[in-house]
């Protein structure tokens, strides 16, 4: 197995730099043990990162073994009282998220890739999940179930663990106030080509214009305005977090 620049390139969705092994692991076509031994004695950064990803997957399995309902309940019970949005407006926003119509190019590209391919790049999975939970303030379980229904590699343990990690509700998750910025993620990981591949309405825009469109009106025919501005969404999420803590 060639690891090469895996560590340096794996977070760039425009590059073919991930293994695409997750569906095969899920369906048992290859085992984690086989992959581990295929790496041999390599000690480069790419191999070490690959091993850590296998370890993270096994960690999720252990979580679900200890807490079989981890996909349905908060790992941190304090979040049982969190002020998630509900009702018609939240339902409308959730539907827009599932269809890749949020007005945030990287979020929309990821959700459209998921619907078209049954797979999404890992970095974009985190961005789209964070957007649903933090920007739209919608219960992580709704997103977890959507991924379960649409991902070819929808592994019970990995799906529950990763959603709770992003949401801040998991037993080993960072605090809720860690809010990912789609704009910064798009810029940092050079996602322009990725967006152009899945959001044809924006295919004529430059990388700079695509980044600038996050949380703003891109003023492109047939492309929706943002559901919520980044700063307004951040303020709303932090207010809900403070209300829970207070």
Protein backbone atom coordinates (compact mmCIF):
# COMPACT_ATOMS: atom_id res chain seq x y z
CA UNK A 1 0.00 0.00 0.00
CA UNK A 2 1.42 3.36 -1.03
CA UNK A 3 0.98 6.05 1.62
CA UNK A 4 3.19 8.76 0.11
CA UNK A 5 1.88 12.21 0.97
CA UNK A 6 -1.32 10.91 2.55
CA UNK A 7 -0.99 13.05 5.68
CA UNK A 8 -0.37 16.26 3.74
CA UNK A 9 -3.00 15.71 1.03
CA UNK A 10 -5.88 13.82 2.66
CA UNK A 11 -7.73 16.98 3.77
CA UNK A 12 -7.92 18.45 0.26
CA UNK A 13 -11.17 17.22 -1.35
CA UNK A 14 -10.13 18.43 -4.81
CA UNK A 15 -7.29 15.88 -4.79
CA UNK A 16 -7.60 12.09 -5.22
CA UNK A 17 -5.71 11.59 -1.98
CA UNK A 18 -7.88 9.32 0.17
CA UNK A 19 -8.01 5.53 0.10
CA UNK A 20 -11.76 5.16 -0.66
CA UNK A 21 -11.61 1.97 1.41
CA UNK A 22 -14.42 2.87 3.80
CA UNK A 23 -17.25 1.11 1.89
CA UNK A 24 -15.09 -2.01 1.56
CA UNK A 25 -14.33 -1.96 5.27
CA UNK A 26 -18.01 -1.51 6.05
CA UNK A 27 -19.10 -4.48 3.93
CA UNK A 28 -16.27 -6.68 5.17
CA UNK A 29 -14.55 -6.95 1.79
CA UNK A 30 -11.28 -6.06 3.52
CA UNK A 31 -10.43 -6.10 7.21
CA UNK A 32 -8.66 -3.45 9.30
CA UNK A 33 -6.12 -6.12 10.20
CA UNK A 34 -5.30 -6.67 6.51
CA UNK A 35 -4.78 -2.96 5.96
CA UNK A 36 -2.65 -2.64 9.07
CA UNK A 37 -0.35 -5.45 7.95
CA UNK A 38 -0.27 -4.13 4.38
CA UNK A 39 1.34 -0.99 5.79
CA UNK A 40 4.16 -3.17 7.02
CA UNK A 41 6.94 -1.45 8.92
CA UNK A 42 6.54 1.90 7.18
CA UNK A 43 7.24 4.72 9.59
CA UNK A 44 6.59 7.73 7.35
CA UNK A 45 4.04 10.36 8.34
CA UNK A 46 1.49 9.07 5.84
CA UNK A 47 1.59 5.53 7.23
CA UNK A 48 1.30 6.76 10.80
CA UNK A 49 -1.71 8.89 9.92
CA UNK A 50 -3.31 5.94 8.13
CA UNK A 51 -2.81 3.77 11.22
CA UNK A 52 -4.34 6.46 13.43
CA UNK A 53 -7.43 6.54 11.20
CA UNK A 54 -7.82 2.79 11.59
CA UNK A 55 -7.44 3.24 15.33
CA UNK A 56 -10.11 5.96 15.36
CA UNK A 57 -12.47 3.59 13.58
CA UNK A 58 -11.84 0.91 16.21
CA UNK A 59 -12.43 3.49 18.92
CA UNK A 60 -15.91 4.08 17.53
CA UNK A 61 -16.64 0.36 17.64
CA UNK A 62 -15.59 0.30 21.29
CA UNK A 63 -17.88 3.25 22.08
CA UNK A 64 -20.89 1.50 20.58
CA UNK A 65 -19.92 -1.73 22.31
CA UNK A 66 -20.00 0.10 25.65
CA UNK A 67 -23.04 2.25 24.77
CA UNK A 68 -25.20 0.44 22.17
CA UNK A 69 -27.59 3.39 21.87
CA UNK A 70 -24.82 5.90 21.16
CA UNK A 71 -26.44 6.74 17.82
CA UNK A 72 -29.64 7.81 19.58
CA UNK A 73 -28.66 9.52 22.82
CA UNK A 74 -26.20 12.22 23.82
CA UNK A 75 -22.93 10.94 25.19
CA UNK A 76 -23.03 13.90 27.57
CA UNK A 77 -26.48 13.88 29.24
CA UNK A 78 -26.34 17.64 29.85
CA UNK A 79 -27.16 18.08 26.15
CA UNK A 80 -30.55 16.47 26.72
CA UNK A 81 -31.72 19.99 27.62
CA UNK A 82 -30.03 21.77 24.71
CA UNK A 83 -32.17 24.21 22.75
CA UNK A 84 -32.18 22.61 19.31
CA UNK A 85 -34.39 24.34 16.77
CA UNK A 86 -37.58 22.57 15.69
CA UNK A 87 -40.73 23.39 13.77
CA UNK A 88 -41.41 24.42 10.16
CA UNK A 89 -38.43 26.77 9.77
CA UNK A 90 -35.97 24.19 11.09
CA UNK A 91 -37.54 21.56 8.83
CA UNK A 92 -37.15 23.89 5.85
CA UNK A 93 -33.49 24.47 6.70
CA UNK A 94 -32.89 20.74 7.16
CA UNK A 95 -34.39 20.00 3.74
CA UNK A 96 -32.21 22.70 2.16
CA UNK A 97 -29.17 21.10 3.81
CA UNK A 98 -30.01 17.63 2.50
CA UNK A 99 -30.43 19.00 -1.03
CA UNK A 100 -27.27 21.11 -1.07
CA UNK A 101 -29.20 24.38 -1.16
CA UNK A 102 -27.83 26.20 1.89
CA UNK A 103 -26.11 29.03 0.02
CA UNK A 104 -22.71 27.94 1.37
CA UNK A 105 -20.74 26.50 -1.59
CA UNK A 106 -18.61 23.96 0.27
CA UNK A 107 -21.58 22.68 2.27
CA UNK A 108 -23.70 22.40 -0.86
CA UNK A 109 -20.91 20.66 -2.79
CA UNK A 110 -20.53 18.07 -0.05
CA UNK A 111 -24.23 17.35 0.28
CA UNK A 112 -24.63 17.02 -3.48
CA UNK A 113 -21.64 14.68 -3.69
CA UNK A 114 -23.26 12.57 -0.97
CA UNK A 115 -26.57 12.36 -2.83
CA UNK A 116 -24.94 11.65 -6.20
CA UNK A 117 -22.28 9.17 -5.07
CA UNK A 118 -23.29 7.84 -1.66
CA UNK A 119 -19.93 9.05 -0.40
CA UNK A 120 -18.40 12.31 0.80
CA UNK A 121 -14.85 13.42 1.47
CA UNK A 122 -14.01 13.21 5.18
CA UNK A 123 -13.01 16.85 5.63
CA UNK A 124 -16.28 17.93 4.00
CA UNK A 125 -18.25 15.53 6.20
CA UNK A 126 -17.01 17.50 9.20
CA UNK A 127 -17.85 20.84 7.59
CA UNK A 128 -21.37 19.79 6.57
CA UNK A 129 -22.07 18.19 9.95
CA UNK A 130 -20.82 21.21 11.83
CA UNK A 131 -22.95 23.47 9.64
CA UNK A 132 -26.13 21.53 10.44
CA UNK A 133 -25.47 21.44 14.17
CA UNK A 134 -23.82 24.81 14.81
CA UNK A 135 -25.03 27.10 12.00
CA UNK A 136 -28.57 25.72 11.75
CA UNK A 137 -28.82 24.56 15.37
CA UNK A 138 -30.50 21.30 14.34
CA UNK A 139 -30.18 18.17 16.47
CA UNK A 140 -27.20 16.06 15.41
CA UNK A 141 -29.39 12.95 15.32
CA UNK A 142 -31.27 14.23 12.28
CA UNK A 143 -28.00 14.56 10.40
CA UNK A 144 -26.72 11.23 11.67
CA UNK A 145 -29.82 9.50 10.31
CA UNK A 146 -29.52 11.26 6.96
CA UNK A 147 -25.92 10.10 6.60
CA UNK A 148 -27.02 6.61 7.64
CA UNK A 149 -29.59 6.58 4.83
CA UNK A 150 -27.30 7.99 2.13
CA UNK A 151 -23.72 6.84 2.78
CA UNK A 152 -22.52 3.63 1.19
CA UNK A 153 -20.03 3.32 4.05
CA UNK A 154 -22.61 4.16 6.75
CA UNK A 155 -21.01 2.36 9.66
CA UNK A 156 -23.08 2.52 12.85
CA UNK A 157 -20.13 3.16 15.14
CA UNK A 158 -18.22 5.62 12.96
CA UNK A 159 -21.35 7.55 12.07
CA UNK A 160 -22.52 7.96 15.67
CA UNK A 161 -19.04 8.72 17.01
CA UNK A 162 -18.21 11.32 14.37
CA UNK A 163 -21.53 13.14 14.60
CA UNK A 164 -21.28 13.35 18.38
CA UNK A 165 -17.68 14.48 18.11
CA UNK A 166 -18.59 17.34 15.77
CA UNK A 167 -21.67 18.25 17.81
CA UNK A 168 -19.73 18.36 21.06
CA UNK A 169 -22.20 15.94 22.65
CA UNK A 170 -19.91 12.90 22.67
CA UNK A 171 -18.05 11.49 25.64
CA UNK A 172 -14.70 12.42 24.07
CA UNK A 173 -15.74 15.43 21.96
CA UNK A 174 -14.38 18.99 22.06
CA UNK A 175 -16.61 21.69 23.52
CA UNK A 176 -19.69 22.81 21.58
CA UNK A 177 -18.21 26.29 21.12
CA UNK A 178 -15.76 24.91 18.55
CA UNK A 179 -17.52 26.16 15.41
CA UNK A 180 -16.05 25.47 11.98
CA UNK A 181 -16.13 28.31 9.45
CA UNK A 182 -17.06 27.08 5.95
CA UNK A 183 -15.25 30.10 4.50
CA UNK A 184 -11.97 29.37 6.28
CA UNK A 185 -12.21 25.64 5.54
CA UNK A 186 -12.83 26.32 1.84
CA UNK A 187 -9.88 28.70 1.65
CA UNK A 188 -7.45 26.67 3.77
CA UNK A 189 -8.02 23.43 1.88
CA UNK A 190 -8.29 24.91 -1.64
CA UNK A 191 -11.80 23.59 -2.29
CA UNK A 192 -12.55 25.61 -5.43
CA UNK A 193 -12.28 22.71 -7.88
CA UNK A 194 -14.33 20.52 -5.56
CA UNK A 195 -17.13 23.09 -5.45
CA UNK A 196 -17.07 23.55 -9.22
CA UNK A 197 -17.42 19.79 -9.69
CA UNK A 198 -20.64 19.50 -7.68
CA UNK A 199 -22.23 22.96 -7.82
CA UNK A 200 -22.45 23.74 -11.54
CA UNK A 201 -24.13 27.09 -10.85
CA UNK A 202 -20.77 28.28 -9.48
CA UNK A 203 -18.50 26.54 -12.00
CA UNK A 204 -17.61 29.83 -13.69
CA UNK A 205 -16.39 31.48 -10.47
CA UNK A 206 -12.75 31.75 -9.44
CA UNK A 207 -11.47 30.21 -6.22
CA UNK A 208 -11.51 33.65 -4.59
CA UNK A 209 -15.11 34.26 -5.62
CA UNK A 210 -16.20 30.85 -4.36
CA UNK A 211 -14.60 31.49 -0.98
CA UNK A 212 -16.16 34.95 -0.81
CA UNK A 213 -19.61 33.48 -1.48
CA UNK A 214 -19.68 31.65 1.85
CA UNK A 215 -22.31 33.27 4.01
CA UNK A 216 -22.95 36.00 1.44
CA UNK A 217 -25.20 36.34 -1.55
CA UNK A 218 -23.22 34.94 -4.46
CA UNK A 219 -25.62 36.72 -6.85
CA UNK A 220 -25.61 33.78 -9.21
CA UNK A 221 -28.85 32.84 -11.00
CA UNK A 222 -30.48 29.71 -9.56
CA UNK A 223 -28.07 29.57 -6.60
CA UNK A 224 -29.81 30.22 -3.27
CA UNK A 225 -28.89 32.98 -0.82
CA UNK A 226 -27.42 31.75 2.49
CA UNK A 227 -29.87 30.35 5.00
CA UNK A 228 -28.09 32.33 7.72
CA UNK A 229 -25.00 34.54 7.91
CA UNK A 230 -21.92 33.03 9.53
CA UNK A 231 -21.62 35.62 12.31
CA UNK A 232 -25.35 35.48 13.10
CA UNK A 233 -25.24 31.67 13.19
CA UNK A 234 -22.19 31.70 15.44
CA UNK A 235 -23.82 34.14 17.84
CA UNK A 236 -27.01 32.05 17.96
CA UNK A 237 -25.11 28.84 18.63
CA UNK A 238 -22.98 30.37 21.39
CA UNK A 239 -26.10 31.85 23.00
CA UNK A 240 -27.72 28.39 23.05
CA UNK A 241 -24.51 26.98 24.54
CA UNK A 242 -24.42 29.63 27.26
CA UNK A 243 -28.08 29.05 28.06
CA UNK A 244 -27.36 25.35 28.57
CA UNK A 245 -24.39 26.09 30.82
CA UNK A 246 -26.12 28.85 32.78
